[in-house]
């Protein structure tokens, strides 16, 4: 059910050698933490140290800060698309709402990362575009399945639902549990009900 975004557009390339792949993964994990915790200006030297590699290794994989930010974003987008597989065996409504809840949790925790990314990466960037296509494709698959089963309104589409959920996820200064409550109200509005 999830979409492989590696074929959607030119994107960052993972190394093939085992040691290089380990270093790449360690750098992505360290950068994700640093950009989420600090911002786009997090120290690259600190990221390299956290990953257990030298700064030269970081620059071999990611020649610029923008390259590193784009790779982190791509990894995050791939993860949210792959997570749709966790709901594949569920009925359409449960699969859709389960994934939308996961998508919201992801978005809530990634405010700083997204702010950092948008300060360095243009929305027309091929990596950003391929990730957007992949997330929309994954969401559309789940929405169409729920529409076909009669679980959601026939006029619903993922473009609207995705923006709704993203808007809910980015509510600043929400009280504990408030985002979850608002999401439940919004999801209830998607349900198909006969007149």
Foldseek 3Di string as FASTA:
>chain_A
DADDLVPLFPAADADDDPVLNLLLVLLLVLVQVQCLVPNLPRDLQSSCVSSVHGSVSVCVRPVDSLNSLLVNVLVLLSVLRVCLVVLVPDQLLCSLLVSLVVVLVSLLSCPRSVVRNVVRDDCPPRSNVSSVVRNQVSNQVSVVRCVVVQFFDVPDGCVVVVVVSNVLSPDPPDDVPRSVVVSVVVSVNGGDDDD
